[in-house]
N, C-alpha and C. Protein backbone atom coordinates (compact mmCIF):
# COMPACT_ATOMS: atom_id res chain seq x y z
N MET A 1 0.85 -1.18 0.00
CA MET A 1 0.00 0.00 0.00
C MET A 1 0.89 1.24 0.00
N ASN A 2 0.51 2.20 -0.77
CA ASN A 2 1.22 3.48 -0.80
C ASN A 2 0.53 4.43 0.18
N GLU A 3 1.10 4.53 1.38
CA GLU A 3 0.47 5.33 2.44
C GLU A 3 0.31 6.79 2.06
N ASP A 4 1.29 7.34 1.34
CA ASP A 4 1.18 8.75 0.92
C ASP A 4 0.00 8.96 -0.03
N LEU A 5 -0.16 8.05 -1.00
CA LEU A 5 -1.30 8.16 -1.92
C LEU A 5 -2.62 8.02 -1.19
N VAL A 6 -2.68 7.10 -0.23
CA VAL A 6 -3.91 6.90 0.54
C VAL A 6 -4.24 8.16 1.33
N LYS A 7 -3.25 8.74 1.99
CA LYS A 7 -3.48 9.97 2.76
C LYS A 7 -3.92 11.11 1.85
N GLN A 8 -3.29 11.24 0.70
CA GLN A 8 -3.68 12.28 -0.25
C GLN A 8 -5.12 12.06 -0.73
N PHE A 9 -5.46 10.83 -1.00
CA PHE A 9 -6.81 10.49 -1.45
C PHE A 9 -7.84 10.87 -0.38
N TRP A 10 -7.55 10.52 0.87
CA TRP A 10 -8.45 10.86 1.98
C TRP A 10 -8.57 12.38 2.12
N GLN A 11 -7.46 13.08 2.03
CA GLN A 11 -7.47 14.55 2.14
C GLN A 11 -8.33 15.17 1.03
N GLN A 12 -8.22 14.64 -0.18
CA GLN A 12 -9.03 15.15 -1.29
C GLN A 12 -10.51 14.88 -1.03
N PHE A 13 -10.81 13.69 -0.51
CA PHE A 13 -12.19 13.34 -0.17
C PHE A 13 -12.77 14.30 0.86
N ILE A 14 -12.06 14.53 1.96
CA ILE A 14 -12.62 15.40 3.00
C ILE A 14 -12.67 16.86 2.54
N SER A 15 -11.81 17.23 1.62
CA SER A 15 -11.88 18.58 1.03
C SER A 15 -13.12 18.71 0.15
N ASP A 16 -13.39 17.66 -0.65
CA ASP A 16 -14.53 17.67 -1.56
C ASP A 16 -15.86 17.39 -0.87
N ARG A 17 -15.82 16.61 0.21
CA ARG A 17 -17.05 16.19 0.89
C ARG A 17 -16.97 16.42 2.40
N PRO A 18 -16.73 17.67 2.83
CA PRO A 18 -16.55 17.94 4.26
C PRO A 18 -17.77 17.62 5.12
N GLU A 19 -18.92 17.50 4.50
CA GLU A 19 -20.12 17.15 5.26
C GLU A 19 -20.11 15.68 5.70
N LEU A 20 -19.23 14.87 5.10
CA LEU A 20 -19.20 13.44 5.42
C LEU A 20 -18.11 13.05 6.40
N ALA A 21 -16.98 13.74 6.35
CA ALA A 21 -15.85 13.31 7.17
C ALA A 21 -14.87 14.45 7.36
N ASN A 22 -13.93 14.24 8.29
CA ASN A 22 -12.86 15.20 8.52
C ASN A 22 -11.56 14.46 8.81
N GLU A 23 -10.52 15.18 9.15
CA GLU A 23 -9.21 14.56 9.36
C GLU A 23 -9.21 13.56 10.51
N ASP A 24 -10.13 13.70 11.45
CA ASP A 24 -10.17 12.81 12.61
C ASP A 24 -11.07 11.58 12.38
N THR A 25 -11.77 11.56 11.27
CA THR A 25 -12.65 10.43 10.99
C THR A 25 -11.81 9.18 10.69
N PRO A 26 -12.05 8.09 11.42
CA PRO A 26 -11.28 6.87 11.15
C PRO A 26 -11.73 6.20 9.85
N TYR A 27 -10.83 5.48 9.24
CA TYR A 27 -11.12 4.69 8.04
C TYR A 27 -10.16 3.52 7.99
N LYS A 28 -10.56 2.51 7.24
CA LYS A 28 -9.64 1.41 6.98
C LYS A 28 -9.33 1.40 5.50
N VAL A 29 -8.26 0.72 5.15
CA VAL A 29 -7.83 0.61 3.76
C VAL A 29 -7.87 -0.87 3.40
N GLU A 30 -8.50 -1.19 2.26
CA GLU A 30 -8.63 -2.59 1.88
C GLU A 30 -8.84 -2.74 0.38
N TYR A 31 -8.54 -3.93 -0.11
CA TYR A 31 -8.96 -4.32 -1.45
C TYR A 31 -9.87 -5.51 -1.28
N PHE A 32 -10.72 -5.77 -2.27
CA PHE A 32 -11.67 -6.86 -2.21
C PHE A 32 -11.13 -8.03 -3.02
N GLY A 33 -11.42 -9.26 -2.58
CA GLY A 33 -11.01 -10.46 -3.30
C GLY A 33 -9.69 -11.00 -2.82
N ASP A 34 -9.19 -11.98 -3.58
CA ASP A 34 -7.95 -12.65 -3.17
C ASP A 34 -6.90 -12.72 -4.27
N GLY A 35 -6.94 -11.77 -5.16
CA GLY A 35 -5.93 -11.72 -6.21
C GLY A 35 -6.09 -10.45 -7.02
N GLU A 36 -5.11 -10.19 -7.85
CA GLU A 36 -5.08 -8.94 -8.61
C GLU A 36 -6.30 -8.78 -9.52
N ALA A 37 -6.61 -9.82 -10.29
CA ALA A 37 -7.73 -9.72 -11.24
C ALA A 37 -9.06 -9.54 -10.51
N MET A 38 -9.27 -10.29 -9.44
CA MET A 38 -10.51 -10.18 -8.70
C MET A 38 -10.62 -8.81 -8.02
N ALA A 39 -9.53 -8.32 -7.46
CA ALA A 39 -9.54 -7.00 -6.82
C ALA A 39 -9.92 -5.91 -7.83
N ARG A 40 -9.38 -6.02 -9.04
CA ARG A 40 -9.70 -5.03 -10.09
C ARG A 40 -11.17 -5.11 -10.48
N GLU A 41 -11.65 -6.33 -10.70
CA GLU A 41 -13.04 -6.52 -11.11
C GLU A 41 -14.00 -5.97 -10.05
N LEU A 42 -13.76 -6.28 -8.79
CA LEU A 42 -14.66 -5.84 -7.73
C LEU A 42 -14.58 -4.33 -7.52
N LEU A 43 -13.38 -3.77 -7.62
CA LEU A 43 -13.23 -2.32 -7.51
C LEU A 43 -13.98 -1.61 -8.64
N ASP A 44 -13.87 -2.13 -9.84
CA ASP A 44 -14.59 -1.54 -10.97
C ASP A 44 -16.11 -1.61 -10.77
N LEU A 45 -16.60 -2.71 -10.20
CA LEU A 45 -18.04 -2.83 -9.92
C LEU A 45 -18.48 -1.82 -8.86
N ILE A 46 -17.63 -1.61 -7.86
CA ILE A 46 -17.94 -0.60 -6.84
C ILE A 46 -18.00 0.78 -7.47
N LYS A 47 -16.99 1.12 -8.27
CA LYS A 47 -16.92 2.44 -8.88
C LYS A 47 -18.08 2.68 -9.85
N ALA A 48 -18.58 1.62 -10.47
CA ALA A 48 -19.72 1.74 -11.39
C ALA A 48 -21.06 1.78 -10.65
N GLY A 49 -21.02 1.59 -9.33
CA GLY A 49 -22.25 1.59 -8.54
C GLY A 49 -23.02 0.29 -8.61
N GLU A 50 -22.41 -0.74 -9.19
CA GLU A 50 -23.08 -2.03 -9.35
C GLU A 50 -22.87 -2.93 -8.14
N LYS A 51 -21.82 -2.72 -7.38
CA LYS A 51 -21.54 -3.52 -6.19
C LYS A 51 -21.78 -2.64 -4.96
N THR A 52 -22.81 -3.00 -4.18
CA THR A 52 -23.15 -2.23 -2.99
C THR A 52 -23.21 -3.12 -1.74
N ALA A 53 -22.63 -4.31 -1.86
CA ALA A 53 -22.57 -5.23 -0.73
C ALA A 53 -21.37 -6.15 -0.90
N THR A 54 -20.92 -6.69 0.22
CA THR A 54 -19.85 -7.66 0.21
C THR A 54 -20.04 -8.61 1.38
N CYS A 55 -19.51 -9.80 1.25
CA CYS A 55 -19.63 -10.81 2.30
C CYS A 55 -18.23 -11.33 2.66
N SER A 56 -18.01 -11.51 3.95
CA SER A 56 -16.73 -11.99 4.44
C SER A 56 -16.98 -13.04 5.52
N LEU A 57 -16.13 -14.03 5.58
CA LEU A 57 -16.25 -15.02 6.64
C LEU A 57 -15.89 -14.39 7.98
N TYR A 58 -16.75 -14.55 8.95
CA TYR A 58 -16.47 -14.05 10.29
C TYR A 58 -15.21 -14.73 10.85
N ARG A 59 -15.01 -15.96 10.49
CA ARG A 59 -13.84 -16.71 10.97
C ARG A 59 -12.54 -16.00 10.61
N MET A 60 -12.49 -15.35 9.45
CA MET A 60 -11.27 -14.65 9.03
C MET A 60 -11.02 -13.41 9.90
N TYR A 61 -12.08 -12.75 10.34
CA TYR A 61 -11.92 -11.65 11.29
C TYR A 61 -11.29 -12.18 12.58
N GLU A 62 -11.81 -13.31 13.05
CA GLU A 62 -11.26 -13.91 14.27
C GLU A 62 -9.80 -14.30 14.07
N TYR A 63 -9.53 -14.97 12.97
CA TYR A 63 -8.17 -15.46 12.71
C TYR A 63 -7.16 -14.32 12.66
N HIS A 64 -7.53 -13.21 12.02
CA HIS A 64 -6.62 -12.07 11.87
C HIS A 64 -6.78 -11.04 12.99
N ASP A 65 -7.61 -11.36 13.98
CA ASP A 65 -7.86 -10.47 15.12
C ASP A 65 -8.26 -9.07 14.65
N GLU A 66 -9.23 -9.04 13.72
CA GLU A 66 -9.74 -7.78 13.17
C GLU A 66 -11.15 -7.53 13.67
N LYS A 67 -11.51 -6.27 13.74
CA LYS A 67 -12.84 -5.86 14.17
C LYS A 67 -13.75 -5.75 12.94
N VAL A 68 -14.98 -6.20 13.09
CA VAL A 68 -15.99 -6.02 12.04
C VAL A 68 -16.34 -4.53 11.98
N ALA A 69 -16.55 -4.04 10.78
CA ALA A 69 -16.89 -2.63 10.59
C ALA A 69 -18.18 -2.27 11.30
N ASP A 70 -18.30 -1.01 11.66
CA ASP A 70 -19.53 -0.48 12.23
C ASP A 70 -20.32 0.23 11.14
N GLU A 71 -21.63 0.30 11.32
CA GLU A 71 -22.44 1.11 10.41
C GLU A 71 -21.92 2.54 10.45
N GLY A 72 -21.79 3.14 9.29
CA GLY A 72 -21.30 4.51 9.19
C GLY A 72 -19.80 4.62 9.01
N SER A 73 -19.09 3.51 9.15
CA SER A 73 -17.63 3.57 9.01
C SER A 73 -17.22 3.64 7.54
N PHE A 74 -16.02 4.15 7.32
CA PHE A 74 -15.49 4.36 5.97
C PHE A 74 -14.37 3.37 5.65
N SER A 75 -14.28 3.01 4.38
CA SER A 75 -13.15 2.23 3.86
C SER A 75 -12.67 2.88 2.58
N ILE A 76 -11.36 2.98 2.47
CA ILE A 76 -10.75 3.36 1.20
C ILE A 76 -10.48 2.05 0.48
N VAL A 77 -11.07 1.89 -0.68
CA VAL A 77 -10.90 0.66 -1.46
C VAL A 77 -9.81 0.90 -2.49
N THR A 78 -8.85 -0.02 -2.51
CA THR A 78 -7.70 0.10 -3.40
C THR A 78 -7.70 -1.02 -4.42
N ASP A 79 -6.81 -0.87 -5.40
CA ASP A 79 -6.54 -2.01 -6.27
C ASP A 79 -5.60 -2.95 -5.50
N TYR A 80 -5.19 -4.02 -6.12
CA TYR A 80 -4.37 -5.03 -5.44
C TYR A 80 -3.01 -4.49 -5.00
N GLN A 81 -2.52 -3.48 -5.70
CA GLN A 81 -1.23 -2.87 -5.36
C GLN A 81 -1.36 -1.80 -4.28
N GLY A 82 -2.57 -1.50 -3.85
CA GLY A 82 -2.77 -0.54 -2.79
C GLY A 82 -3.00 0.89 -3.25
N ASN A 83 -3.30 1.08 -4.52
CA ASN A 83 -3.60 2.42 -5.03
C ASN A 83 -5.07 2.74 -4.77
N PRO A 84 -5.35 3.83 -4.05
CA PRO A 84 -6.74 4.14 -3.68
C PRO A 84 -7.55 4.65 -4.86
N GLU A 85 -8.80 4.14 -4.97
CA GLU A 85 -9.66 4.57 -6.07
C GLU A 85 -11.09 4.85 -5.66
N ALA A 86 -11.50 4.42 -4.46
CA ALA A 86 -12.89 4.63 -4.06
C ALA A 86 -12.98 4.69 -2.53
N ILE A 87 -14.02 5.35 -2.06
CA ILE A 87 -14.33 5.36 -0.64
C ILE A 87 -15.79 4.94 -0.49
N ILE A 88 -16.00 3.98 0.40
CA ILE A 88 -17.34 3.50 0.69
C ILE A 88 -17.66 3.76 2.16
N ARG A 89 -18.97 3.87 2.43
CA ARG A 89 -19.43 4.02 3.81
C ARG A 89 -20.44 2.91 4.09
N VAL A 90 -20.22 2.19 5.18
CA VAL A 90 -21.08 1.07 5.55
C VAL A 90 -22.46 1.59 5.96
N THR A 91 -23.49 0.97 5.39
CA THR A 91 -24.86 1.35 5.72
C THR A 91 -25.57 0.29 6.55
N ASP A 92 -25.09 -0.96 6.48
CA ASP A 92 -25.75 -2.05 7.20
C ASP A 92 -24.78 -3.20 7.39
N ILE A 93 -24.80 -3.80 8.57
CA ILE A 93 -23.97 -4.96 8.88
C ILE A 93 -24.86 -6.04 9.48
N ASP A 94 -24.74 -7.25 8.98
CA ASP A 94 -25.40 -8.42 9.56
C ASP A 94 -24.39 -9.55 9.62
N ILE A 95 -24.52 -10.40 10.61
CA ILE A 95 -23.71 -11.62 10.68
C ILE A 95 -24.69 -12.78 10.73
N ILE A 96 -24.66 -13.58 9.65
CA ILE A 96 -25.62 -14.68 9.51
C ILE A 96 -24.93 -15.88 8.88
N PRO A 97 -25.46 -17.08 9.09
CA PRO A 97 -24.86 -18.26 8.46
C PRO A 97 -24.87 -18.13 6.93
N PHE A 98 -23.83 -18.64 6.30
CA PHE A 98 -23.70 -18.57 4.85
C PHE A 98 -24.97 -19.06 4.16
N ARG A 99 -25.47 -20.21 4.57
CA ARG A 99 -26.62 -20.80 3.89
C ARG A 99 -27.91 -20.00 4.09
N SER A 100 -27.90 -19.02 5.00
CA SER A 100 -29.10 -18.22 5.27
C SER A 100 -29.06 -16.82 4.67
N ILE A 101 -28.04 -16.52 3.90
CA ILE A 101 -27.93 -15.19 3.30
C ILE A 101 -29.05 -15.01 2.28
N PRO A 102 -29.80 -13.91 2.38
CA PRO A 102 -30.93 -13.71 1.47
C PRO A 102 -30.49 -13.50 0.01
N GLU A 103 -31.37 -13.89 -0.89
CA GLU A 103 -31.06 -13.85 -2.31
C GLU A 103 -30.79 -12.45 -2.84
N ASP A 104 -31.37 -11.42 -2.23
CA ASP A 104 -31.15 -10.06 -2.74
C ASP A 104 -29.70 -9.61 -2.58
N ILE A 105 -28.96 -10.26 -1.70
CA ILE A 105 -27.54 -9.90 -1.53
C ILE A 105 -26.76 -10.24 -2.80
N ALA A 106 -27.13 -11.29 -3.50
CA ALA A 106 -26.45 -11.65 -4.74
C ALA A 106 -26.51 -10.49 -5.74
N GLU A 107 -27.66 -9.88 -5.87
CA GLU A 107 -27.80 -8.75 -6.79
C GLU A 107 -26.98 -7.56 -6.30
N LYS A 108 -27.00 -7.31 -5.01
CA LYS A 108 -26.26 -6.18 -4.44
C LYS A 108 -24.74 -6.38 -4.55
N GLU A 109 -24.30 -7.62 -4.58
CA GLU A 109 -22.87 -7.89 -4.75
C GLU A 109 -22.43 -7.55 -6.17
N GLY A 110 -23.34 -7.61 -7.13
CA GLY A 110 -23.07 -7.14 -8.49
C GLY A 110 -22.18 -8.01 -9.34
N GLU A 111 -21.89 -9.22 -8.91
CA GLU A 111 -20.94 -10.07 -9.62
C GLU A 111 -21.63 -11.04 -10.57
N GLY A 112 -20.91 -11.44 -11.61
CA GLY A 112 -21.42 -12.43 -12.55
C GLY A 112 -22.75 -12.01 -13.15
N ASP A 113 -23.69 -12.96 -13.19
CA ASP A 113 -25.02 -12.64 -13.74
C ASP A 113 -25.97 -12.15 -12.65
N GLN A 114 -25.45 -11.93 -11.46
CA GLN A 114 -26.18 -11.43 -10.29
C GLN A 114 -27.25 -12.40 -9.79
N SER A 115 -27.20 -13.64 -10.25
CA SER A 115 -28.13 -14.64 -9.75
C SER A 115 -27.63 -15.19 -8.42
N TYR A 116 -28.56 -15.70 -7.65
CA TYR A 116 -28.18 -16.31 -6.36
C TYR A 116 -27.29 -17.54 -6.58
N GLU A 117 -27.57 -18.31 -7.61
CA GLU A 117 -26.78 -19.51 -7.88
C GLU A 117 -25.32 -19.14 -8.18
N TYR A 118 -25.12 -18.14 -9.04
CA TYR A 118 -23.76 -17.70 -9.34
C TYR A 118 -23.08 -17.22 -8.06
N TRP A 119 -23.77 -16.37 -7.32
CA TRP A 119 -23.21 -15.83 -6.08
C TRP A 119 -22.83 -16.95 -5.12
N TYR A 120 -23.74 -17.89 -4.92
CA TYR A 120 -23.51 -18.99 -3.97
C TYR A 120 -22.27 -19.78 -4.36
N ASP A 121 -22.20 -20.20 -5.62
CA ASP A 121 -21.06 -21.00 -6.08
C ASP A 121 -19.75 -20.23 -5.97
N ALA A 122 -19.74 -18.97 -6.40
CA ALA A 122 -18.52 -18.16 -6.36
C ALA A 122 -18.06 -17.95 -4.92
N HIS A 123 -18.99 -17.71 -4.01
CA HIS A 123 -18.61 -17.47 -2.62
C HIS A 123 -18.25 -18.76 -1.90
N GLU A 124 -18.90 -19.84 -2.24
CA GLU A 124 -18.52 -21.13 -1.65
C GLU A 124 -17.07 -21.44 -2.04
N ASN A 125 -16.71 -21.21 -3.30
CA ASN A 125 -15.33 -21.44 -3.76
C ASN A 125 -14.35 -20.50 -3.07
N PHE A 126 -14.69 -19.21 -3.01
CA PHE A 126 -13.82 -18.22 -2.37
C PHE A 126 -13.63 -18.53 -0.89
N PHE A 127 -14.72 -18.79 -0.18
CA PHE A 127 -14.63 -19.08 1.25
C PHE A 127 -13.88 -20.39 1.51
N SER A 128 -14.02 -21.36 0.62
CA SER A 128 -13.27 -22.61 0.76
C SER A 128 -11.77 -22.35 0.65
N ARG A 129 -11.38 -21.50 -0.30
CA ARG A 129 -9.96 -21.13 -0.45
C ARG A 129 -9.45 -20.43 0.81
N GLU A 130 -10.26 -19.52 1.33
CA GLU A 130 -9.85 -18.81 2.55
C GLU A 130 -9.67 -19.78 3.72
N MET A 131 -10.61 -20.66 3.91
CA MET A 131 -10.51 -21.61 5.02
C MET A 131 -9.33 -22.55 4.83
N ASP A 132 -9.10 -22.99 3.59
CA ASP A 132 -7.93 -23.82 3.30
C ASP A 132 -6.64 -23.10 3.68
N SER A 133 -6.60 -21.79 3.46
CA SER A 133 -5.38 -21.01 3.72
C SER A 133 -5.03 -20.98 5.20
N ILE A 134 -6.01 -21.26 6.08
CA ILE A 134 -5.72 -21.29 7.52
C ILE A 134 -5.86 -22.71 8.08
N GLY A 135 -5.91 -23.69 7.18
CA GLY A 135 -5.93 -25.08 7.60
C GLY A 135 -7.27 -25.55 8.15
N GLU A 136 -8.34 -24.89 7.75
CA GLU A 136 -9.66 -25.27 8.22
C GLU A 136 -10.56 -25.56 7.03
N THR A 137 -11.74 -26.11 7.30
CA THR A 137 -12.67 -26.52 6.26
C THR A 137 -13.90 -25.63 6.26
N PHE A 138 -14.32 -25.23 5.08
CA PHE A 138 -15.53 -24.42 4.94
C PHE A 138 -16.76 -25.29 5.13
N GLU A 139 -17.71 -24.78 5.90
CA GLU A 139 -19.02 -25.39 6.08
C GLU A 139 -20.07 -24.31 5.83
N ASP A 140 -21.22 -24.70 5.27
CA ASP A 140 -22.20 -23.68 4.90
C ASP A 140 -22.96 -23.08 6.07
N ASP A 141 -22.68 -23.54 7.29
CA ASP A 141 -23.31 -22.92 8.45
C ASP A 141 -22.39 -21.90 9.14
N LEU A 142 -21.21 -21.67 8.58
CA LEU A 142 -20.30 -20.68 9.16
C LEU A 142 -20.89 -19.28 9.06
N PRO A 143 -20.67 -18.46 10.10
CA PRO A 143 -21.19 -17.10 10.06
C PRO A 143 -20.44 -16.23 9.04
N VAL A 144 -21.22 -15.40 8.36
CA VAL A 144 -20.69 -14.51 7.33
C VAL A 144 -21.10 -13.08 7.68
N VAL A 145 -20.15 -12.17 7.53
CA VAL A 145 -20.43 -10.75 7.72
C VAL A 145 -20.96 -10.22 6.39
N VAL A 146 -22.19 -9.76 6.40
CA VAL A 146 -22.81 -9.18 5.22
C VAL A 146 -22.80 -7.66 5.41
N GLU A 147 -22.02 -7.01 4.58
CA GLU A 147 -21.81 -5.57 4.71
C GLU A 147 -22.40 -4.88 3.48
N GLN A 148 -23.34 -3.98 3.72
CA GLN A 148 -23.88 -3.17 2.63
C GLN A 148 -23.30 -1.77 2.76
N PHE A 149 -23.09 -1.11 1.63
CA PHE A 149 -22.40 0.17 1.65
C PHE A 149 -22.84 1.06 0.52
N ASP A 150 -22.51 2.35 0.67
CA ASP A 150 -22.70 3.33 -0.37
C ASP A 150 -21.34 3.79 -0.86
N LEU A 151 -21.22 3.98 -2.15
CA LEU A 151 -20.04 4.61 -2.73
C LEU A 151 -20.17 6.11 -2.47
N VAL A 152 -19.19 6.69 -1.77
CA VAL A 152 -19.28 8.11 -1.46
C VAL A 152 -18.23 8.94 -2.17
N TYR A 153 -17.24 8.26 -2.79
CA TYR A 153 -16.18 9.00 -3.49
C TYR A 153 -15.43 8.03 -4.39
N LYS A 154 -15.03 8.54 -5.56
CA LYS A 154 -14.22 7.71 -6.45
C LYS A 154 -13.29 8.57 -7.27
N GLN A 155 -12.24 7.94 -7.74
CA GLN A 155 -11.26 8.61 -8.60
C GLN A 155 -11.48 8.18 -10.01
């Protein structure tokens, strides 16, 4: 991650949108997905306004000792190399079992053909890879963090 670029991006955002945030407003920096191509695809969907939700395994938050985002919190979304291109603000957080995620989340995720079947298969594969990476097995009853957000700034 290029910390100087991220700071400059945040400064430009608060200059352009002072009603939303200021220098003291906390934010996290992240990319979506698990590789360069996926990070680019998901970032482009966010910037186009087609992706307004994301799902993450709660187990990965535990494993990495990370806090789940709060409603109203900000994230600077970067490409895989850490170059900032968008800022999102969380509008809703739920933690529910994978198999219980409602079908409308597939459309809000904006991926593939936006069908629930596509979403389910893609996320089952992604979550299986994540669990494999920590030596554990994915099960469809694992809790998932369902985060809905608004795009509030983009480059």
